[in-house]
């Protein structure tokens, strides 16, 4: 079954207006996680620390270079994600609809590339 990345995007700092909004989003996201597991869609999920905690590793002139901060400079970053299995794009979008409501944030949907049979 195809796998999809559902990534939650937002700015630095809390996207929630109040601590109660945050608690509600965590509660609703937990319920969604349970629903995904019940329907066999769940593969993996996680929340991320702020983008300011990121480290980037790249090569320059054959040497490894480590830098602090996110890979991309921007006002929005990935704050969390799900990896799910869904029958098709429409089914993945259905889970993204629920995820957007549960976490109170924008969710991007991207299919994983198919791996060749070995």
N, C-alpha and C. Protein backbone atom coordinates (compact mmCIF):
# COMPACT_ATOMS: atom_id res chain seq x y z
N UNK A 1 0.86 -1.18 0.00
CA UNK A 1 0.00 0.00 0.00
C UNK A 1 0.91 1.24 0.00
N UNK A 2 0.54 2.26 -0.76
CA UNK A 2 1.36 3.48 -0.81
C UNK A 2 1.45 4.16 0.56
N UNK A 3 2.61 4.77 0.80
CA UNK A 3 2.80 5.53 2.03
C UNK A 3 2.85 7.02 1.70
N UNK A 4 2.41 7.82 2.67
CA UNK A 4 2.34 9.27 2.51
C UNK A 4 2.94 9.94 3.75
N UNK A 5 3.53 11.09 3.53
CA UNK A 5 3.98 11.94 4.61
C UNK A 5 2.96 13.05 4.78
N UNK A 6 2.41 13.15 5.98
CA UNK A 6 1.53 14.26 6.33
C UNK A 6 2.34 15.15 7.26
N UNK A 7 2.78 16.29 6.79
CA UNK A 7 3.63 17.16 7.60
C UNK A 7 2.85 18.38 8.04
N UNK A 8 3.03 18.71 9.33
CA UNK A 8 2.34 19.84 9.95
C UNK A 8 3.29 21.04 9.90
N UNK A 9 2.82 22.13 9.32
CA UNK A 9 3.66 23.32 9.16
C UNK A 9 3.17 24.44 10.05
N UNK A 10 4.12 25.23 10.56
CA UNK A 10 3.77 26.39 11.37
C UNK A 10 5.00 27.24 11.61
N UNK A 11 4.79 28.36 12.24
CA UNK A 11 5.88 29.27 12.54
C UNK A 11 6.55 28.93 13.86
N UNK A 12 7.61 29.66 14.18
CA UNK A 12 8.28 29.47 15.46
C UNK A 12 7.32 29.86 16.58
N UNK A 13 7.49 29.24 17.71
CA UNK A 13 6.61 29.51 18.83
C UNK A 13 5.34 28.68 18.73
N UNK A 14 4.51 28.80 19.70
CA UNK A 14 3.29 28.02 19.75
C UNK A 14 2.26 28.53 18.74
N UNK A 15 1.64 27.61 17.99
CA UNK A 15 0.58 28.03 17.07
C UNK A 15 -0.76 28.21 17.76
N UNK A 16 -0.79 27.95 19.06
CA UNK A 16 -2.06 27.97 19.79
C UNK A 16 -2.25 29.28 20.53
N UNK A 17 -3.46 29.78 20.50
CA UNK A 17 -3.78 31.06 21.14
C UNK A 17 -3.74 30.96 22.66
N UNK A 18 -4.10 29.79 23.18
CA UNK A 18 -4.13 29.61 24.64
C UNK A 18 -3.59 28.23 24.98
N UNK A 19 -3.19 28.03 26.24
CA UNK A 19 -2.80 26.69 26.68
C UNK A 19 -3.93 25.68 26.52
N UNK A 20 -5.16 26.14 26.68
CA UNK A 20 -6.32 25.25 26.51
C UNK A 20 -6.44 24.79 25.05
N UNK A 21 -6.17 25.69 24.10
CA UNK A 21 -6.19 25.30 22.69
C UNK A 21 -5.14 24.23 22.42
N UNK A 22 -3.95 24.39 23.01
CA UNK A 22 -2.89 23.40 22.84
C UNK A 22 -3.30 22.05 23.43
N UNK A 23 -3.86 22.06 24.62
CA UNK A 23 -4.31 20.82 25.24
C UNK A 23 -5.37 20.13 24.38
N UNK A 24 -6.28 20.92 23.82
CA UNK A 24 -7.33 20.36 22.97
C UNK A 24 -6.72 19.73 21.71
N UNK A 25 -5.77 20.42 21.11
CA UNK A 25 -5.11 19.88 19.90
C UNK A 25 -4.37 18.59 20.21
N UNK A 26 -3.67 18.53 21.34
CA UNK A 26 -2.96 17.30 21.71
C UNK A 26 -3.94 16.17 21.95
N UNK A 27 -5.05 16.48 22.62
CA UNK A 27 -6.08 15.47 22.86
C UNK A 27 -6.66 14.96 21.54
N UNK A 28 -7.05 15.90 20.67
CA UNK A 28 -7.65 15.53 19.39
C UNK A 28 -6.67 14.76 18.50
N UNK A 29 -5.40 15.15 18.55
CA UNK A 29 -4.39 14.45 17.76
C UNK A 29 -4.21 13.02 18.28
N UNK A 30 -4.26 12.85 19.59
CA UNK A 30 -4.19 11.51 20.17
C UNK A 30 -5.34 10.63 19.71
N UNK A 31 -6.53 11.21 19.68
CA UNK A 31 -7.70 10.46 19.18
C UNK A 31 -7.53 10.10 17.71
N UNK A 32 -7.00 11.03 16.91
CA UNK A 32 -6.77 10.74 15.50
C UNK A 32 -5.72 9.63 15.35
N UNK A 33 -4.66 9.68 16.14
CA UNK A 33 -3.65 8.62 16.08
C UNK A 33 -4.29 7.26 16.36
N UNK A 34 -5.16 7.20 17.36
CA UNK A 34 -5.86 5.95 17.67
C UNK A 34 -6.72 5.49 16.49
N UNK A 35 -7.42 6.44 15.86
CA UNK A 35 -8.26 6.10 14.70
C UNK A 35 -7.41 5.57 13.55
N UNK A 36 -6.27 6.20 13.32
CA UNK A 36 -5.37 5.73 12.25
C UNK A 36 -4.91 4.31 12.53
N UNK A 37 -4.56 4.04 13.78
CA UNK A 37 -4.13 2.67 14.14
C UNK A 37 -5.25 1.67 13.91
N UNK A 38 -6.47 2.02 14.34
CA UNK A 38 -7.62 1.13 14.17
C UNK A 38 -7.88 0.79 12.71
N UNK A 39 -7.62 1.75 11.82
CA UNK A 39 -7.89 1.55 10.39
C UNK A 39 -6.67 1.06 9.62
N UNK A 40 -5.57 0.81 10.29
CA UNK A 40 -4.37 0.29 9.63
C UNK A 40 -3.61 1.33 8.83
N UNK A 41 -3.88 2.59 9.04
CA UNK A 41 -3.19 3.65 8.29
C UNK A 41 -1.89 4.08 8.98
N UNK A 42 -1.82 3.94 10.30
CA UNK A 42 -0.69 4.41 11.10
C UNK A 42 0.59 3.65 10.74
N UNK A 43 1.66 4.38 10.48
CA UNK A 43 2.99 3.80 10.37
C UNK A 43 3.88 4.39 11.46
N UNK A 44 3.93 5.73 11.52
CA UNK A 44 4.79 6.41 12.47
C UNK A 44 4.38 7.87 12.52
N UNK A 45 4.61 8.52 13.67
CA UNK A 45 4.33 9.95 13.79
C UNK A 45 5.24 10.54 14.84
N UNK A 46 5.41 11.85 14.79
CA UNK A 46 6.21 12.51 15.80
C UNK A 46 6.10 14.02 15.72
N UNK A 47 6.28 14.64 16.86
CA UNK A 47 6.36 16.09 16.94
C UNK A 47 7.84 16.48 17.01
N UNK A 48 8.16 17.63 16.48
CA UNK A 48 9.55 18.08 16.44
C UNK A 48 9.77 19.27 17.35
N UNK A 49 10.97 19.37 17.89
CA UNK A 49 11.36 20.58 18.63
C UNK A 49 11.43 21.74 17.63
N UNK A 50 11.49 22.98 18.09
CA UNK A 50 11.53 24.13 17.18
C UNK A 50 12.69 24.05 16.18
N UNK A 51 12.50 24.67 15.04
CA UNK A 51 13.51 24.66 13.97
C UNK A 51 14.84 25.24 14.45
N UNK A 52 14.81 26.08 15.47
CA UNK A 52 16.05 26.67 15.99
C UNK A 52 16.97 25.62 16.60
N UNK A 53 16.45 24.43 16.89
CA UNK A 53 17.27 23.36 17.45
C UNK A 53 17.91 22.49 16.37
N UNK A 54 17.60 22.75 15.11
CA UNK A 54 18.09 21.91 14.01
C UNK A 54 19.59 22.07 13.79
N UNK A 55 20.19 21.02 13.27
CA UNK A 55 21.57 21.01 12.82
C UNK A 55 21.56 20.53 11.37
N UNK A 56 22.44 21.08 10.56
CA UNK A 56 22.52 20.70 9.15
C UNK A 56 23.92 20.18 8.86
N UNK A 57 24.00 19.07 8.12
CA UNK A 57 25.26 18.51 7.68
C UNK A 57 25.28 18.57 6.16
N UNK A 58 26.34 19.17 5.60
CA UNK A 58 26.51 19.22 4.14
C UNK A 58 27.98 19.04 3.82
N UNK A 59 28.25 18.87 2.55
CA UNK A 59 29.65 18.78 2.12
C UNK A 59 30.03 20.05 1.37
N UNK A 60 31.29 20.45 1.57
CA UNK A 60 31.83 21.60 0.85
C UNK A 60 33.28 21.29 0.54
N UNK A 61 33.58 21.25 -0.74
CA UNK A 61 34.94 20.94 -1.19
C UNK A 61 35.42 19.62 -0.60
N UNK A 62 34.53 18.63 -0.52
CA UNK A 62 34.89 17.30 -0.04
C UNK A 62 34.92 17.16 1.47
N UNK A 63 34.69 18.22 2.21
CA UNK A 63 34.71 18.16 3.68
C UNK A 63 33.28 18.28 4.21
N UNK A 64 33.05 17.66 5.36
CA UNK A 64 31.75 17.78 6.01
C UNK A 64 31.68 19.08 6.78
N UNK A 65 30.57 19.76 6.64
CA UNK A 65 30.35 21.03 7.31
C UNK A 65 29.08 20.92 8.15
N UNK A 66 29.19 21.20 9.45
CA UNK A 66 28.06 21.18 10.37
C UNK A 66 27.69 22.61 10.72
N UNK A 67 26.41 22.94 10.59
CA UNK A 67 25.95 24.28 10.95
C UNK A 67 24.70 24.18 11.83
N UNK A 68 24.47 25.21 12.62
CA UNK A 68 23.27 25.30 13.45
C UNK A 68 22.15 25.92 12.65
N UNK A 69 20.93 25.56 13.04
CA UNK A 69 19.75 26.18 12.44
C UNK A 69 19.13 25.33 11.37
N UNK A 70 17.96 25.69 10.94
CA UNK A 70 17.25 24.90 9.94
C UNK A 70 17.93 24.97 8.58
N UNK A 71 17.67 23.95 7.77
CA UNK A 71 18.22 23.87 6.43
C UNK A 71 17.75 25.05 5.59
N UNK A 72 16.48 25.36 5.67
CA UNK A 72 15.91 26.48 4.92
C UNK A 72 15.59 27.64 5.84
N UNK A 73 15.93 28.82 5.43
CA UNK A 73 15.51 30.02 6.16
C UNK A 73 14.07 30.31 5.77
N UNK A 74 13.24 30.50 6.73
CA UNK A 74 11.84 30.78 6.44
C UNK A 74 11.08 31.06 7.70
N UNK A 75 9.85 31.51 7.52
CA UNK A 75 9.00 31.82 8.66
C UNK A 75 8.25 30.59 9.15
N UNK A 76 8.10 29.58 8.29
CA UNK A 76 7.39 28.38 8.67
C UNK A 76 8.29 27.17 8.50
N UNK A 77 8.10 26.18 9.36
CA UNK A 77 8.88 24.96 9.34
C UNK A 77 7.97 23.79 9.69
N UNK A 78 8.46 22.58 9.47
CA UNK A 78 7.72 21.39 9.87
C UNK A 78 7.79 21.27 11.38
N UNK A 79 6.62 21.15 12.00
CA UNK A 79 6.54 21.02 13.45
C UNK A 79 6.25 19.60 13.91
N UNK A 80 5.76 18.78 13.00
CA UNK A 80 5.45 17.39 13.30
C UNK A 80 4.98 16.69 12.04
N UNK A 81 4.75 15.39 12.14
CA UNK A 81 4.41 14.64 10.93
C UNK A 81 3.78 13.30 11.28
N UNK A 82 3.12 12.74 10.30
CA UNK A 82 2.68 11.35 10.30
C UNK A 82 3.24 10.70 9.04
N UNK A 83 3.58 9.44 9.13
CA UNK A 83 3.78 8.59 7.97
C UNK A 83 2.62 7.60 8.01
N UNK A 84 1.84 7.59 6.95
CA UNK A 84 0.65 6.74 6.91
C UNK A 84 0.67 5.86 5.67
N UNK A 85 -0.15 4.83 5.70
CA UNK A 85 -0.44 4.03 4.52
C UNK A 85 -1.88 4.32 4.13
N UNK A 86 -2.09 4.57 2.85
CA UNK A 86 -3.44 4.85 2.34
C UNK A 86 -3.57 4.25 0.95
N UNK A 87 -4.76 3.87 0.60
CA UNK A 87 -5.01 3.21 -0.68
C UNK A 87 -4.66 4.09 -1.87
N UNK A 88 -4.89 5.41 -1.72
CA UNK A 88 -4.65 6.32 -2.84
C UNK A 88 -4.59 7.76 -2.31
N UNK A 89 -4.40 8.70 -3.24
CA UNK A 89 -4.30 10.11 -2.86
C UNK A 89 -5.55 10.61 -2.14
N UNK A 90 -6.72 10.17 -2.59
CA UNK A 90 -7.96 10.62 -1.96
C UNK A 90 -8.05 10.16 -0.52
N UNK A 91 -7.65 8.92 -0.25
CA UNK A 91 -7.68 8.41 1.11
C UNK A 91 -6.67 9.17 1.99
N UNK A 92 -5.49 9.46 1.44
CA UNK A 92 -4.48 10.23 2.19
C UNK A 92 -5.01 11.63 2.49
N UNK A 93 -5.69 12.24 1.54
CA UNK A 93 -6.26 13.57 1.77
C UNK A 93 -7.35 13.52 2.85
N UNK A 94 -8.09 12.44 2.91
CA UNK A 94 -9.09 12.29 3.97
C UNK A 94 -8.45 12.29 5.34
N UNK A 95 -7.31 11.59 5.49
CA UNK A 95 -6.59 11.62 6.76
C UNK A 95 -6.02 13.01 7.02
N UNK A 96 -5.54 13.67 5.98
CA UNK A 96 -4.99 15.03 6.15
C UNK A 96 -6.09 16.01 6.59
N UNK A 97 -7.29 15.84 6.08
CA UNK A 97 -8.42 16.68 6.52
C UNK A 97 -8.60 16.54 8.03
N UNK A 98 -8.62 15.30 8.49
CA UNK A 98 -8.80 15.04 9.92
C UNK A 98 -7.60 15.57 10.73
N UNK A 99 -6.40 15.42 10.18
CA UNK A 99 -5.20 15.88 10.88
C UNK A 99 -5.19 17.40 11.02
N UNK A 100 -5.62 18.10 9.99
CA UNK A 100 -5.67 19.56 10.03
C UNK A 100 -6.61 20.04 11.13
N UNK A 101 -7.75 19.41 11.24
CA UNK A 101 -8.70 19.79 12.28
C UNK A 101 -8.14 19.43 13.66
N UNK A 102 -7.58 18.24 13.79
CA UNK A 102 -7.10 17.77 15.10
C UNK A 102 -5.96 18.63 15.63
N UNK A 103 -4.97 18.90 14.78
CA UNK A 103 -3.79 19.62 15.29
C UNK A 103 -3.91 21.13 15.13
N UNK A 104 -4.98 21.59 14.49
CA UNK A 104 -5.23 23.02 14.30
C UNK A 104 -4.11 23.70 13.50
N UNK A 105 -3.60 22.98 12.49
CA UNK A 105 -2.52 23.55 11.68
C UNK A 105 -2.58 23.03 10.26
N UNK A 106 -1.86 23.71 9.38
CA UNK A 106 -1.79 23.30 7.97
C UNK A 106 -1.04 21.98 7.85
N UNK A 107 -1.53 21.09 6.99
CA UNK A 107 -0.92 19.78 6.78
C UNK A 107 -0.66 19.60 5.29
N UNK A 108 0.59 19.30 4.97
CA UNK A 108 0.99 19.01 3.58
C UNK A 108 0.98 17.51 3.38
N UNK A 109 0.50 17.05 2.23
CA UNK A 109 0.43 15.62 1.91
C UNK A 109 1.38 15.34 0.74
N UNK A 110 2.30 14.38 0.95
CA UNK A 110 3.22 14.00 -0.12
C UNK A 110 3.39 12.50 -0.14
N UNK A 111 3.24 11.89 -1.32
CA UNK A 111 3.46 10.44 -1.40
C UNK A 111 4.96 10.12 -1.40
N UNK A 112 5.28 8.99 -0.80
CA UNK A 112 6.65 8.48 -0.88
C UNK A 112 6.84 7.86 -2.27
N UNK A 113 8.05 7.91 -2.76
CA UNK A 113 8.38 7.25 -4.01
C UNK A 113 8.33 5.74 -3.78
N UNK A 114 7.90 5.02 -4.81
CA UNK A 114 7.86 3.56 -4.74
C UNK A 114 9.29 3.02 -4.75
N UNK A 115 9.51 2.01 -3.93
CA UNK A 115 10.82 1.36 -3.90
C UNK A 115 10.78 0.18 -4.86
N UNK A 116 11.84 0.04 -5.68
CA UNK A 116 11.87 -1.12 -6.59
C UNK A 116 11.97 -2.42 -5.81
N UNK A 117 11.36 -3.44 -6.36
CA UNK A 117 11.43 -4.77 -5.75
C UNK A 117 12.87 -5.26 -5.83
N UNK A 118 13.34 -5.91 -4.75
CA UNK A 118 14.72 -6.43 -4.79
C UNK A 118 14.76 -7.91 -5.02
